[in-house]
Amino acid sequence: MNEHSIPDASSLHGWRKSTYSGNEGGSCIEVLDGYPTGVPVRDSKAPQGPAMVVPTAGWTSFVAAIKDDRLSA
């Protein structure tokens, strides 16, 4: 069974923000590398809140689409 969420994301250590995130405290997400069932993603403003776990292949495709500017608003 795949895990889709983590109720308390603060229970994990090693979260990182994108290097493209500014220091203004705006809307940012954080990800955790090396998680066994996918890529946990959380809101940086709510570190004790939940995180969703995105399948690794889906996260890789999402990041590639952003880098290639293939997403539209």
C-alpha atoms as a PDB file:
ATOM      1  CA  MET A   1       0.000   0.000   0.000  1.00  0.00           C
ATOM      2  CA  ASN A   2       1.346   3.411  -0.946  1.00  0.00           C
ATOM      3  CA  GLU A   3       1.485   6.200   1.580  1.00  0.00           C
ATOM      4  CA  HIS A   4      -0.208   9.388   0.320  1.00  0.00           C
ATOM      5  CA  SER A   5       0.214  11.702   3.305  1.00  0.00           C
ATOM      6  CA  ILE A   6       2.121  12.271   6.509  1.00  0.00           C
ATOM      7  CA  PRO A   7      -0.084  13.791   9.242  1.00  0.00           C
ATOM      8  CA  ASP A   8       2.746  15.586  11.105  1.00  0.00           C
ATOM      9  CA  ALA A   9       5.523  16.561   8.709  1.00  0.00           C
ATOM     10  CA  SER A  10       7.708  17.863  11.559  1.00  0.00           C
ATOM     11  CA  SER A  11       8.386  14.245  12.534  1.00  0.00           C
ATOM     12  CA  LEU A  12      10.803  14.017   9.582  1.00  0.00           C
ATOM     13  CA  HIS A  13      14.135  15.799   9.281  1.00  0.00           C
ATOM     14  CA  GLY A  14      16.033  17.113   6.264  1.00  0.00           C
ATOM     15  CA  TRP A  15      13.402  19.285   4.595  1.00  0.00           C
ATOM     16  CA  ARG A  16      14.675  21.759   2.006  1.00  0.00           C
ATOM     17  CA  LYS A  17      13.243  24.714   0.104  1.00  0.00           C
ATOM     18  CA  SER A  18      13.930  25.392  -3.531  1.00  0.00           C
ATOM     19  CA  THR A  19      17.023  27.452  -4.210  1.00  0.00           C
ATOM     20  CA  TYR A  20      14.680  29.709  -6.210  1.00  0.00           C
ATOM     21  CA  SER A  21      12.719  30.605  -3.062  1.00  0.00           C
ATOM     22  CA  GLY A  22      13.418  34.041  -1.706  1.00  0.00           C
ATOM     23  CA  ASN A  23      13.970  34.993   1.913  1.00  0.00           C
ATOM     24  CA  GLU A  24      10.858  37.189   2.088  1.00  0.00           C
ATOM     25  CA  GLY A  25       8.811  34.480   3.811  1.00  0.00           C
ATOM     26  CA  GLY A  26       6.349  34.108   0.957  1.00  0.00           C
ATOM     27  CA  SER A  27       4.583  31.003  -0.241  1.00  0.00           C
ATOM     28  CA  CYS A  28       7.063  28.170  -0.442  1.00  0.00           C
ATOM     29  CA  ILE A  29       7.018  24.444  -0.446  1.00  0.00           C
ATOM     30  CA  GLU A  30       9.623  22.165   1.027  1.00  0.00           C
ATOM     31  CA  VAL A  31      10.554  18.685  -0.111  1.00  0.00           C
ATOM     32  CA  LEU A  32      12.327  15.804   1.561  1.00  0.00           C
ATOM     33  CA  ASP A  33      14.824  13.717  -0.381  1.00  0.00           C
ATOM     34  CA  GLY A  34      15.363  10.008   0.185  1.00  0.00           C
ATOM     35  CA  TYR A  35      11.916   9.098   1.496  1.00  0.00           C
ATOM     36  CA  PRO A  36      11.209   5.450   0.624  1.00  0.00           C
ATOM     37  CA  THR A  37       7.701   5.762  -0.873  1.00  0.00           C
ATOM     38  CA  GLY A  38       7.995   9.020  -2.860  1.00  0.00           C
ATOM     39  CA  VAL A  39       8.707  12.714  -2.376  1.00  0.00           C
ATOM     40  CA  PRO A  40       7.059  14.336   0.648  1.00  0.00           C
ATOM     41  CA  VAL A  41       5.974  17.944  -0.005  1.00  0.00           C
ATOM     42  CA  ARG A  42       4.845  20.391   2.695  1.00  0.00           C
ATOM     43  CA  ASP A  43       3.964  24.053   3.161  1.00  0.00           C
ATOM     44  CA  SER A  44       7.000  25.791   4.656  1.00  0.00           C
ATOM     45  CA  LYS A  45       4.710  28.057   6.701  1.00  0.00           C
ATOM     46  CA  ALA A  46       3.134  25.045   8.450  1.00  0.00           C
ATOM     47  CA  PRO A  47       5.987  22.649   9.298  1.00  0.00           C
ATOM     48  CA  GLN A  48       3.882  20.779  11.876  1.00  0.00           C
ATOM     49  CA  GLY A  49       1.091  20.319   9.363  1.00  0.00           C
ATOM     50  CA  PRO A  50       0.631  17.472   6.942  1.00  0.00           C
ATOM     51  CA  ALA A  51       2.748  16.621   3.925  1.00  0.00           C
ATOM     52  CA  MET A  52       1.586  14.899   0.789  1.00  0.00           C
ATOM     53  CA  VAL A  53       3.722  12.145  -0.663  1.00  0.00           C
ATOM     54  CA  VAL A  54       4.049  12.406  -4.446  1.00  0.00           C
ATOM     55  CA  PRO A  55       5.193   9.327  -6.379  1.00  0.00           C
ATOM     56  CA  THR A  56       8.817   9.780  -7.399  1.00  0.00           C
ATOM     57  CA  ALA A  57       8.103   9.462 -11.140  1.00  0.00           C
ATOM     58  CA  GLY A  58       5.343  12.077 -10.908  1.00  0.00           C
ATOM     59  CA  TRP A  59       7.577  14.510  -9.012  1.00  0.00           C
ATOM     60  CA  THR A  60      10.397  14.027 -11.530  1.00  0.00           C
ATOM     61  CA  SER A  61       7.998  14.763 -14.410  1.00  0.00           C
ATOM     62  CA  PHE A  62       6.626  17.835 -12.626  1.00  0.00           C
ATOM     63  CA  VAL A  63      10.096  19.293 -11.988  1.00  0.00           C
ATOM     64  CA  ALA A  64      11.146  18.604 -15.597  1.00  0.00           C
ATOM     65  CA  ALA A  65       8.019  20.373 -16.888  1.00  0.00           C
ATOM     66  CA  ILE A  66       8.788  23.421 -14.752  1.00  0.00           C
ATOM     67  CA  LYS A  67      12.403  23.543 -15.893  1.00  0.00           C
ATOM     68  CA  ASP A  68      11.324  23.203 -19.539  1.00  0.00           C
ATOM     69  CA  ASP A  69       8.611  25.876 -19.106  1.00  0.00           C
ATOM     70  CA  ARG A  70       5.916  23.425 -20.263  1.00  0.00           C
ATOM     71  CA  LEU A  71       3.312  24.426 -17.665  1.00  0.00           C
ATOM     72  CA  SER A  72       0.796  27.157 -18.258  1.00  0.00           C
ATOM     73  CA  ALA A  73      -1.180  29.117 -15.687  1.00  0.00           C
END
